[in-house]
Amino acid sequence: MDRSSVSDLEAQTRELEHQIHKLERRGFHMTPTEQEQATRLKKLRLISKDRLASIR
């Protein structure tokens, strides 16, 4: 995998972390839809981190 792909994957991971943090700041005020979205984003972040770990 080339350097630009790694950089893109790192940027994607950071963006997912930002979105998760933004949702989690709402705490107990998250709607069920927001909770589902946070769970989905966490799964995507995990996949992204796993890909990064496998290429490093």
C-alpha atoms as a PDB file:
ATOM      1  CA  MET A   1       0.000   0.000   0.000  1.00  0.00           C
ATOM      2  CA  ASP A   2       1.431   3.385  -0.885  1.00  0.00           C
ATOM      3  CA  ARG A   3       1.930   6.371   1.393  1.00  0.00           C
ATOM      4  CA  SER A   4      -1.094   8.298   0.128  1.00  0.00           C
ATOM      5  CA  SER A   5      -3.369   5.369   0.969  1.00  0.00           C
ATOM      6  CA  VAL A   6      -1.974   5.236   4.496  1.00  0.00           C
ATOM      7  CA  SER A   7      -2.457   8.985   4.866  1.00  0.00           C
ATOM      8  CA  ASP A   8      -6.011   8.712   3.571  1.00  0.00           C
ATOM      9  CA  LEU A   9      -6.765   5.901   6.011  1.00  0.00           C
ATOM     10  CA  GLU A  10      -5.292   7.891   8.911  1.00  0.00           C
ATOM     11  CA  ALA A  11      -7.383  10.912   7.926  1.00  0.00           C
ATOM     12  CA  GLN A  12     -10.497   8.742   7.704  1.00  0.00           C
ATOM     13  CA  THR A  13      -9.814   7.336  11.171  1.00  0.00           C
ATOM     14  CA  ARG A  14      -9.370  10.828  12.628  1.00  0.00           C
ATOM     15  CA  GLU A  15     -12.609  12.003  11.015  1.00  0.00           C
ATOM     16  CA  LEU A  16     -14.504   9.023  12.423  1.00  0.00           C
ATOM     17  CA  GLU A  17     -13.058   9.737  15.879  1.00  0.00           C
ATOM     18  CA  HIS A  18     -14.154  13.363  15.572  1.00  0.00           C
ATOM     19  CA  GLN A  19     -17.704  12.371  14.608  1.00  0.00           C
ATOM     20  CA  ILE A  20     -17.893   9.859  17.467  1.00  0.00           C
ATOM     21  CA  HIS A  21     -16.656  12.420  19.973  1.00  0.00           C
ATOM     22  CA  LYS A  22     -19.162  14.963  18.707  1.00  0.00           C
ATOM     23  CA  LEU A  23     -22.043  12.515  19.239  1.00  0.00           C
ATOM     24  CA  GLU A  24     -20.808  11.280  22.613  1.00  0.00           C
ATOM     25  CA  ARG A  25     -20.632  14.814  24.016  1.00  0.00           C
ATOM     26  CA  ARG A  26     -24.429  14.675  24.079  1.00  0.00           C
ATOM     27  CA  GLY A  27     -24.165  11.873  26.640  1.00  0.00           C
ATOM     28  CA  PHE A  28     -27.515  10.663  27.934  1.00  0.00           C
ATOM     29  CA  HIS A  29     -29.284  13.116  25.624  1.00  0.00           C
ATOM     30  CA  MET A  30     -28.458  11.084  22.517  1.00  0.00           C
ATOM     31  CA  THR A  31     -31.475   9.931  20.586  1.00  0.00           C
ATOM     32  CA  PRO A  32     -31.753   6.254  19.647  1.00  0.00           C
ATOM     33  CA  THR A  33     -30.821   7.218  16.091  1.00  0.00           C
ATOM     34  CA  GLU A  34     -27.701   9.017  17.312  1.00  0.00           C
ATOM     35  CA  GLN A  35     -26.791   6.005  19.466  1.00  0.00           C
ATOM     36  CA  GLU A  36     -27.075   3.745  16.425  1.00  0.00           C
ATOM     37  CA  GLN A  37     -24.982   6.158  14.396  1.00  0.00           C
ATOM     38  CA  ALA A  38     -22.294   6.252  17.122  1.00  0.00           C
ATOM     39  CA  THR A  39     -22.199   2.441  17.168  1.00  0.00           C
ATOM     40  CA  ARG A  40     -21.895   2.302  13.378  1.00  0.00           C
ATOM     41  CA  LEU A  41     -19.108   4.912  13.404  1.00  0.00           C
ATOM     42  CA  LYS A  42     -17.238   2.970  16.093  1.00  0.00           C
ATOM     43  CA  LYS A  43     -17.383  -0.175  13.963  1.00  0.00           C
ATOM     44  CA  LEU A  44     -16.065   1.743  10.961  1.00  0.00           C
ATOM     45  CA  ARG A  45     -13.291   3.246  13.097  1.00  0.00           C
ATOM     46  CA  LEU A  46     -12.291  -0.218  14.303  1.00  0.00           C
ATOM     47  CA  ILE A  47     -12.156  -1.497  10.719  1.00  0.00           C
ATOM     48  CA  SER A  48     -10.054   1.500   9.730  1.00  0.00           C
ATOM     49  CA  LYS A  49      -7.638   0.977  12.639  1.00  0.00           C
ATOM     50  CA  ASP A  50      -7.345  -2.728  11.820  1.00  0.00           C
ATOM     51  CA  ARG A  51      -6.462  -1.896   8.213  1.00  0.00           C
ATOM     52  CA  LEU A  52      -3.822   0.559   9.380  1.00  0.00           C
ATOM     53  CA  ALA A  53      -2.331  -1.999  11.769  1.00  0.00           C
ATOM     54  CA  SER A  54      -2.172  -4.627   9.041  1.00  0.00           C
ATOM     55  CA  ILE A  55      -0.206  -2.395   6.649  1.00  0.00           C
ATOM     56  CA  ARG A  56       2.274  -1.016   9.178  1.00  0.00           C
END
